[in-house]
Amino acid sequence: MVAKRARALYWYSVISTYSLSPAAKRKLRKMERDFHVREFGEELARINFLPENRRKQAVAEMIDYACSKGVVLSRPALGVTP
């Protein structure tokens, strides 16, 4: 079901490159945001729609916060024991 929705969103993003009315563009953008909220959650949907430089900064902040709370983000390679 997710793949079907993802394909539909891809198609809408292709259509949105053509000239559409501002109302149609808003509707497509809302549909895309709703999809992101359903599939990834509110926080990641918010980050997905930030400008690229701000998005990278937000991800870096999340990584720093996770590391400060003791989350280990690197894993050894498969089959290798420490």
Protein backbone atom coordinates (compact mmCIF):
# COMPACT_ATOMS: atom_id res chain seq x y z
CA MET A 1 0.00 0.00 0.00
CA VAL A 2 2.82 2.40 0.81
CA ALA A 3 4.50 1.83 -2.56
CA LYS A 4 1.24 2.58 -4.34
CA ARG A 5 0.92 5.91 -2.48
CA ALA A 6 4.58 6.73 -3.07
CA ARG A 7 4.13 6.17 -6.81
CA ALA A 8 1.10 8.45 -6.81
CA LEU A 9 3.05 11.16 -5.00
CA TYR A 10 5.91 10.83 -7.48
CA TRP A 11 3.44 11.31 -10.30
CA TYR A 12 1.99 14.40 -8.63
CA SER A 13 5.46 15.87 -8.15
CA VAL A 14 6.15 15.34 -11.87
CA ILE A 15 2.87 17.05 -12.72
CA SER A 16 3.68 19.92 -10.36
CA THR A 17 6.68 20.88 -12.52
CA TYR A 18 4.22 21.95 -15.20
CA SER A 19 2.19 25.11 -14.92
CA LEU A 20 -0.55 24.61 -12.36
CA SER A 21 -2.75 27.09 -10.63
CA PRO A 22 -1.58 28.23 -7.19
CA ALA A 23 -4.56 26.44 -5.61
CA ALA A 24 -3.61 23.16 -7.30
CA LYS A 25 0.01 23.57 -6.16
CA ARG A 26 -1.18 24.13 -2.56
CA LYS A 27 -3.36 21.03 -2.76
CA LEU A 28 -0.46 18.90 -4.04
CA ARG A 29 1.84 20.27 -1.34
CA LYS A 30 -0.75 19.46 1.34
CA MET A 31 -1.16 15.93 -0.01
CA GLU A 32 2.61 15.46 0.02
CA ARG A 33 2.89 16.74 3.60
CA ASP A 34 0.01 14.51 4.75
CA PHE A 35 1.77 11.53 3.21
CA HIS A 36 5.01 12.38 5.03
CA VAL A 37 3.15 12.76 8.34
CA ARG A 38 1.45 9.37 7.91
CA GLU A 39 4.59 7.52 6.88
CA PHE A 40 7.33 9.22 8.92
CA GLY A 41 5.62 11.05 11.77
CA GLU A 42 5.12 14.72 12.50
CA GLU A 43 8.71 15.54 13.48
CA LEU A 44 10.34 14.01 10.41
CA ALA A 45 7.68 15.49 8.15
CA ARG A 46 8.48 18.92 9.57
CA ILE A 47 12.18 18.39 8.91
CA ASN A 48 11.59 17.01 5.39
CA PHE A 49 9.96 20.27 4.35
CA LEU A 50 12.68 22.60 5.64
CA PRO A 51 15.13 24.25 3.24
CA GLU A 52 18.17 22.03 2.64
CA ASN A 53 20.67 23.96 4.79
CA ARG A 54 18.22 24.18 7.72
CA ARG A 55 17.32 20.49 7.30
CA LYS A 56 20.99 19.48 7.56
CA GLN A 57 21.37 21.66 10.66
CA ALA A 58 18.28 20.09 12.27
CA VAL A 59 19.55 16.56 11.60
CA ALA A 60 22.94 17.46 13.05
CA GLU A 61 21.20 18.83 16.16
CA MET A 62 19.22 15.58 16.53
CA ILE A 63 22.42 13.54 16.23
CA ASP A 64 24.21 15.71 18.81
CA TYR A 65 21.25 15.41 21.18
CA ALA A 66 21.11 11.63 20.79
CA CYS A 67 24.86 11.33 21.43
CA SER A 68 24.57 13.53 24.53
CA LYS A 69 21.94 11.09 25.88
CA GLY A 70 24.24 8.10 25.35
CA VAL A 71 22.95 6.77 22.03
CA VAL A 72 25.70 5.03 20.06
CA LEU A 73 25.16 5.68 16.37
CA SER A 74 27.99 3.62 14.92
CA ARG A 75 27.91 -0.18 14.74
CA PRO A 76 30.72 -2.60 13.97
CA ALA A 77 30.67 -4.30 10.59
CA LEU A 78 28.69 -7.52 10.30
CA GLY A 79 30.60 -10.59 11.42
CA VAL A 80 33.23 -8.55 13.28
CA THR A 81 33.28 -8.87 17.05
CA PRO A 82 34.90 -6.16 19.14
